[in-house]
Amino acid sequence: MRFISAAAVAAFFVVVAPAQAQTVSIKDPVAFRNTLSAMGYAPTALTAADTTPEFDIDIDGFSSTLRMQRCTAGKDCQYITLVASYSDVVNPPASWVQQMNDEFDLLRVGVNESKQLYMFGAYVIDGLPQGELKRILDFWASDTAAIGDEAIDGGYATDK
């Protein structure tokens, strides 16, 4: 009975969904970049377009690199990754990095080759409504800020 009720509710929302509820596609990286631009994110120019297309994007005041992964000749991409690093958090203690990984279970937190704290997330977004993409990016922004605050509170951030 719950299945039938849930199916009926889902069908209702599909029928009454507004026409502007566009879905996201990363099959064409140029079109996806244009979608993000239209959503107000102002991505930089697309690079590595023939292999692993990527660009930088400002998400709520924090620069991140967005890469489209598992592409075939730069098209038909399967998922995105977001990567951001904190230039003012260098050599944080391994135990604290592990604590961040435990607290932020949808992200990978680590130290890059420059010994800066970074965060990484992978997301399957193809076919999602734009509103869901925005929600993912909002969570990314929130987690970015929270990890930064944790670094400051722990005394691991330097003054820049």
C-alpha atoms as a PDB file:
ATOM      1  CA  MET A   1       0.000   0.000   0.000  1.00  0.00           C
ATOM      2  CA  ARG A   2       2.818   2.414   0.778  1.00  0.00           C
ATOM      3  CA  PHE A   3       4.335   1.751  -2.641  1.00  0.00           C
ATOM      4  CA  ILE A   4       1.068   2.561  -4.432  1.00  0.00           C
ATOM      5  CA  SER A   5       0.620   5.751  -2.398  1.00  0.00           C
ATOM      6  CA  ALA A   6       4.193   6.842  -3.013  1.00  0.00           C
ATOM      7  CA  ALA A   7       3.868   6.112  -6.738  1.00  0.00           C
ATOM      8  CA  ALA A   8       0.654   8.125  -6.926  1.00  0.00           C
ATOM      9  CA  VAL A   9       2.235  11.077  -5.126  1.00  0.00           C
ATOM     10  CA  ALA A  10       5.318  10.934  -7.357  1.00  0.00           C
ATOM     11  CA  ALA A  11       3.156  10.808 -10.488  1.00  0.00           C
ATOM     12  CA  PHE A  12       1.176  13.811  -9.250  1.00  0.00           C
ATOM     13  CA  PHE A  13       4.319  15.878  -8.800  1.00  0.00           C
ATOM     14  CA  VAL A  14       5.588  14.926 -12.247  1.00  0.00           C
ATOM     15  CA  VAL A  15       2.315  16.088 -13.767  1.00  0.00           C
ATOM     16  CA  VAL A  16       2.221  19.396 -11.872  1.00  0.00           C
ATOM     17  CA  ALA A  17       5.961  20.124 -12.141  1.00  0.00           C
ATOM     18  CA  PRO A  18       6.564  23.471 -13.782  1.00  0.00           C
ATOM     19  CA  ALA A  19       7.835  23.443 -17.355  1.00  0.00           C
ATOM     20  CA  GLN A  20      10.942  25.387 -16.291  1.00  0.00           C
ATOM     21  CA  ALA A  21      12.113  22.455 -14.112  1.00  0.00           C
ATOM     22  CA  GLN A  22      15.055  21.757 -16.407  1.00  0.00           C
ATOM     23  CA  THR A  23      17.167  18.689 -15.903  1.00  0.00           C
ATOM     24  CA  VAL A  24      20.947  18.747 -15.837  1.00  0.00           C
ATOM     25  CA  SER A  25      23.056  16.953 -18.403  1.00  0.00           C
ATOM     26  CA  ILE A  26      26.823  16.540 -18.361  1.00  0.00           C
ATOM     27  CA  LYS A  27      26.902  14.651 -21.640  1.00  0.00           C
ATOM     28  CA  ASP A  28      28.014  17.884 -23.337  1.00  0.00           C
ATOM     29  CA  PRO A  29      30.482  19.750 -21.076  1.00  0.00           C
ATOM     30  CA  VAL A  30      30.034  23.060 -22.932  1.00  0.00           C
ATOM     31  CA  ALA A  31      26.267  22.914 -22.448  1.00  0.00           C
ATOM     32  CA  PHE A  32      26.717  21.956 -18.781  1.00  0.00           C
ATOM     33  CA  ARG A  33      29.093  24.879 -18.236  1.00  0.00           C
ATOM     34  CA  ASN A  34      26.500  27.144 -19.891  1.00  0.00           C
ATOM     35  CA  THR A  35      23.817  25.753 -17.568  1.00  0.00           C
ATOM     36  CA  LEU A  36      25.928  26.654 -14.532  1.00  0.00           C
ATOM     37  CA  SER A  37      26.548  30.093 -15.982  1.00  0.00           C
ATOM     38  CA  ALA A  38      22.809  30.612 -16.483  1.00  0.00           C
ATOM     39  CA  MET A  39      22.307  29.533 -12.861  1.00  0.00           C
ATOM     40  CA  GLY A  40      24.607  32.387 -11.787  1.00  0.00           C
ATOM     41  CA  TYR A  41      27.797  30.491 -10.910  1.00  0.00           C
ATOM     42  CA  ALA A  42      30.156  32.209 -13.439  1.00  0.00           C
ATOM     43  CA  PRO A  43      32.452  29.280 -14.296  1.00  0.00           C
ATOM     44  CA  THR A  44      35.816  30.018 -15.904  1.00  0.00           C
ATOM     45  CA  ALA A  45      36.733  28.830 -19.382  1.00  0.00           C
ATOM     46  CA  LEU A  46      36.553  25.109 -20.054  1.00  0.00           C
ATOM     47  CA  THR A  47      39.941  23.368 -20.185  1.00  0.00           C
ATOM     48  CA  ALA A  48      41.020  19.810 -21.053  1.00  0.00           C
ATOM     49  CA  ALA A  49      37.914  19.669 -23.244  1.00  0.00           C
ATOM     50  CA  ASP A  50      39.100  16.603 -25.181  1.00  0.00           C
ATOM     51  CA  THR A  51      39.792  14.406 -22.139  1.00  0.00           C
ATOM     52  CA  THR A  52      38.593  15.383 -18.664  1.00  0.00           C
ATOM     53  CA  PRO A  53      36.783  18.713 -19.094  1.00  0.00           C
ATOM     54  CA  GLU A  54      37.132  21.075 -16.144  1.00  0.00           C
ATOM     55  CA  PHE A  55      36.738  24.657 -15.039  1.00  0.00           C
ATOM     56  CA  ASP A  56      36.942  26.656 -11.864  1.00  0.00           C
ATOM     57  CA  ILE A  57      33.730  27.829 -10.308  1.00  0.00           C
ATOM     58  CA  ASP A  58      32.953  30.129  -7.421  1.00  0.00           C
ATOM     59  CA  ILE A  59      30.462  28.520  -5.076  1.00  0.00           C
ATOM     60  CA  ASP A  60      29.297  30.900  -2.380  1.00  0.00           C
ATOM     61  CA  GLY A  61      32.597  32.785  -2.328  1.00  0.00           C
ATOM     62  CA  PHE A  62      34.961  29.804  -2.432  1.00  0.00           C
ATOM     63  CA  SER A  63      36.776  28.780  -5.599  1.00  0.00           C
ATOM     64  CA  SER A  64      36.497  25.113  -6.524  1.00  0.00           C
ATOM     65  CA  THR A  65      37.553  23.060  -9.517  1.00  0.00           C
ATOM     66  CA  LEU A  66      34.763  21.124 -11.186  1.00  0.00           C
ATOM     67  CA  ARG A  67      35.826  18.179 -13.363  1.00  0.00           C
ATOM     68  CA  MET A  68      33.639  15.997 -15.505  1.00  0.00           C
ATOM     69  CA  GLN A  69      34.765  12.393 -15.136  1.00  0.00           C
ATOM     70  CA  ARG A  70      34.594   9.160 -17.137  1.00  0.00           C
ATOM     71  CA  CYS A  71      34.149  11.000 -20.400  1.00  0.00           C
ATOM     72  CA  THR A  72      34.619   9.562 -23.859  1.00  0.00           C
ATOM     73  CA  ALA A  73      36.769  11.992 -25.866  1.00  0.00           C
ATOM     74  CA  GLY A  74      35.532  14.850 -23.675  1.00  0.00           C
ATOM     75  CA  LYS A  75      31.814  13.988 -24.060  1.00  0.00           C
ATOM     76  CA  ASP A  76      29.239  11.650 -22.506  1.00  0.00           C
ATOM     77  CA  CYS A  77      30.620  12.306 -19.029  1.00  0.00           C
ATOM     78  CA  GLN A  78      29.296  10.146 -16.190  1.00  0.00           C
ATOM     79  CA  TYR A  79      29.796  12.223 -13.029  1.00  0.00           C
ATOM     80  CA  ILE A  80      31.432  15.357 -11.650  1.00  0.00           C
ATOM     81  CA  THR A  81      34.029  15.930  -8.988  1.00  0.00           C
ATOM     82  CA  LEU A  82      34.535  19.089  -6.983  1.00  0.00           C
ATOM     83  CA  VAL A  83      37.922  19.879  -5.457  1.00  0.00           C
ATOM     84  CA  ALA A  84      38.892  22.809  -3.251  1.00  0.00           C
ATOM     85  CA  SER A  85      41.961  23.550  -1.189  1.00  0.00           C
ATOM     86  CA  TYR A  86      42.664  25.898   1.680  1.00  0.00           C
ATOM     87  CA  SER A  87      45.867  27.862   1.046  1.00  0.00           C
ATOM     88  CA  ASP A  88      45.862  29.066   4.653  1.00  0.00           C
ATOM     89  CA  VAL A  89      45.656  25.566   6.189  1.00  0.00           C
ATOM     90  CA  VAL A  90      49.057  23.944   5.723  1.00  0.00           C
ATOM     91  CA  ASN A  91      50.197  20.716   7.386  1.00  0.00           C
ATOM     92  CA  PRO A  92      47.143  20.071   9.537  1.00  0.00           C
ATOM     93  CA  PRO A  93      47.575  17.124  11.927  1.00  0.00           C
ATOM     94  CA  ALA A  94      46.643  13.733  10.458  1.00  0.00           C
ATOM     95  CA  SER A  95      44.359  13.004  13.416  1.00  0.00           C
ATOM     96  CA  TRP A  96      42.385  16.195  12.741  1.00  0.00           C
ATOM     97  CA  VAL A  97      42.150  15.388   9.000  1.00  0.00           C
ATOM     98  CA  GLN A  98      40.768  11.959   9.918  1.00  0.00           C
ATOM     99  CA  GLN A  99      38.287  13.598  12.287  1.00  0.00           C
ATOM    100  CA  MET A 100      37.081  15.799   9.390  1.00  0.00           C
ATOM    101  CA  ASN A 101      36.658  12.686   7.237  1.00  0.00           C
ATOM    102  CA  ASP A 102      34.588  11.107   9.998  1.00  0.00           C
ATOM    103  CA  GLU A 103      32.414  14.216  10.447  1.00  0.00           C
ATOM    104  CA  PHE A 104      31.932  15.009   6.759  1.00  0.00           C
ATOM    105  CA  ASP A 105      31.137  11.548   5.476  1.00  0.00           C
ATOM    106  CA  LEU A 106      30.115  12.628   1.957  1.00  0.00           C
ATOM    107  CA  LEU A 107      33.504  14.241   1.320  1.00  0.00           C
ATOM    108  CA  ARG A 108      37.126  13.202   1.247  1.00  0.00           C
ATOM    109  CA  VAL A 109      39.367  15.532   3.229  1.00  0.00           C
ATOM    110  CA  GLY A 110      43.133  15.297   2.867  1.00  0.00           C
ATOM    111  CA  VAL A 111      46.430  17.090   2.310  1.00  0.00           C
ATOM    112  CA  ASN A 112      47.598  17.820  -1.252  1.00  0.00           C
ATOM    113  CA  GLU A 113      51.145  17.854  -2.670  1.00  0.00           C
ATOM    114  CA  SER A 114      51.562  21.443  -1.404  1.00  0.00           C
ATOM    115  CA  LYS A 115      50.629  20.197   2.094  1.00  0.00           C
ATOM    116  CA  GLN A 116      47.432  22.263   1.963  1.00  0.00           C
ATOM    117  CA  LEU A 117      44.158  20.955   3.291  1.00  0.00           C
ATOM    118  CA  TYR A 118      41.773  19.968   0.484  1.00  0.00           C
ATOM    119  CA  MET A 119      38.308  18.544   0.135  1.00  0.00           C
ATOM    120  CA  PHE A 120      36.944  16.386  -2.647  1.00  0.00           C
ATOM    121  CA  GLY A 121      33.464  15.202  -3.569  1.00  0.00           C
ATOM    122  CA  ALA A 122      32.079  13.103  -6.425  1.00  0.00           C
ATOM    123  CA  TYR A 123      28.481  13.461  -7.599  1.00  0.00           C
ATOM    124  CA  VAL A 124      26.295  11.713 -10.154  1.00  0.00           C
ATOM    125  CA  ILE A 125      24.081  14.537 -11.380  1.00  0.00           C
ATOM    126  CA  ASP A 126      23.050  13.710 -14.944  1.00  0.00           C
ATOM    127  CA  GLY A 127      19.262  13.851 -15.231  1.00  0.00           C
ATOM    128  CA  LEU A 128      18.710  15.675 -11.942  1.00  0.00           C
ATOM    129  CA  PRO A 129      16.549  18.797 -11.870  1.00  0.00           C
ATOM    130  CA  GLN A 130      18.565  22.022 -11.717  1.00  0.00           C
ATOM    131  CA  GLY A 131      17.174  22.617  -8.239  1.00  0.00           C
ATOM    132  CA  GLU A 132      18.858  19.427  -7.029  1.00  0.00           C
ATOM    133  CA  LEU A 133      22.162  20.492  -8.588  1.00  0.00           C
ATOM    134  CA  LYS A 134      21.835  23.792  -6.747  1.00  0.00           C
ATOM    135  CA  ARG A 135      21.165  21.905  -3.524  1.00  0.00           C
ATOM    136  CA  ILE A 136      24.332  19.813  -4.039  1.00  0.00           C
ATOM    137  CA  LEU A 137      26.357  22.972  -4.655  1.00  0.00           C
ATOM    138  CA  ASP A 138      24.784  24.619  -1.583  1.00  0.00           C
ATOM    139  CA  PHE A 139      25.843  21.621   0.538  1.00  0.00           C
ATOM    140  CA  TRP A 140      29.347  21.862  -0.963  1.00  0.00           C
ATOM    141  CA  ALA A 141      29.495  25.554   0.015  1.00  0.00           C
ATOM    142  CA  SER A 142      28.213  24.824   3.506  1.00  0.00           C
ATOM    143  CA  ASP A 143      30.721  22.007   4.046  1.00  0.00           C
ATOM    144  CA  THR A 144      33.551  24.135   2.645  1.00  0.00           C
ATOM    145  CA  ALA A 145      32.750  26.874   5.137  1.00  0.00           C
ATOM    146  CA  ALA A 146      32.298  24.426   8.032  1.00  0.00           C
ATOM    147  CA  ILE A 147      35.651  22.712   7.423  1.00  0.00           C
ATOM    148  CA  GLY A 148      37.305  26.123   7.172  1.00  0.00           C
ATOM    149  CA  ASP A 149      35.711  27.141  10.476  1.00  0.00           C
ATOM    150  CA  GLU A 150      36.892  23.890  12.075  1.00  0.00           C
ATOM    151  CA  ALA A 151      40.444  24.645  10.871  1.00  0.00           C
ATOM    152  CA  ILE A 152      40.291  28.145  12.340  1.00  0.00           C
ATOM    153  CA  ASP A 153      38.794  26.914  15.628  1.00  0.00           C
ATOM    154  CA  GLY A 154      41.497  24.222  15.848  1.00  0.00           C
ATOM    155  CA  GLY A 155      44.277  26.773  15.281  1.00  0.00           C
ATOM    156  CA  TYR A 156      45.364  25.188  11.972  1.00  0.00           C
ATOM    157  CA  ALA A 157      44.742  28.199   9.725  1.00  0.00           C
ATOM    158  CA  THR A 158      47.429  30.804   9.209  1.00  0.00           C
ATOM    159  CA  ASP A 159      46.752  34.496   8.771  1.00  0.00           C
ATOM    160  CA  LYS A 160      46.964  35.490   5.111  1.00  0.00           C
END
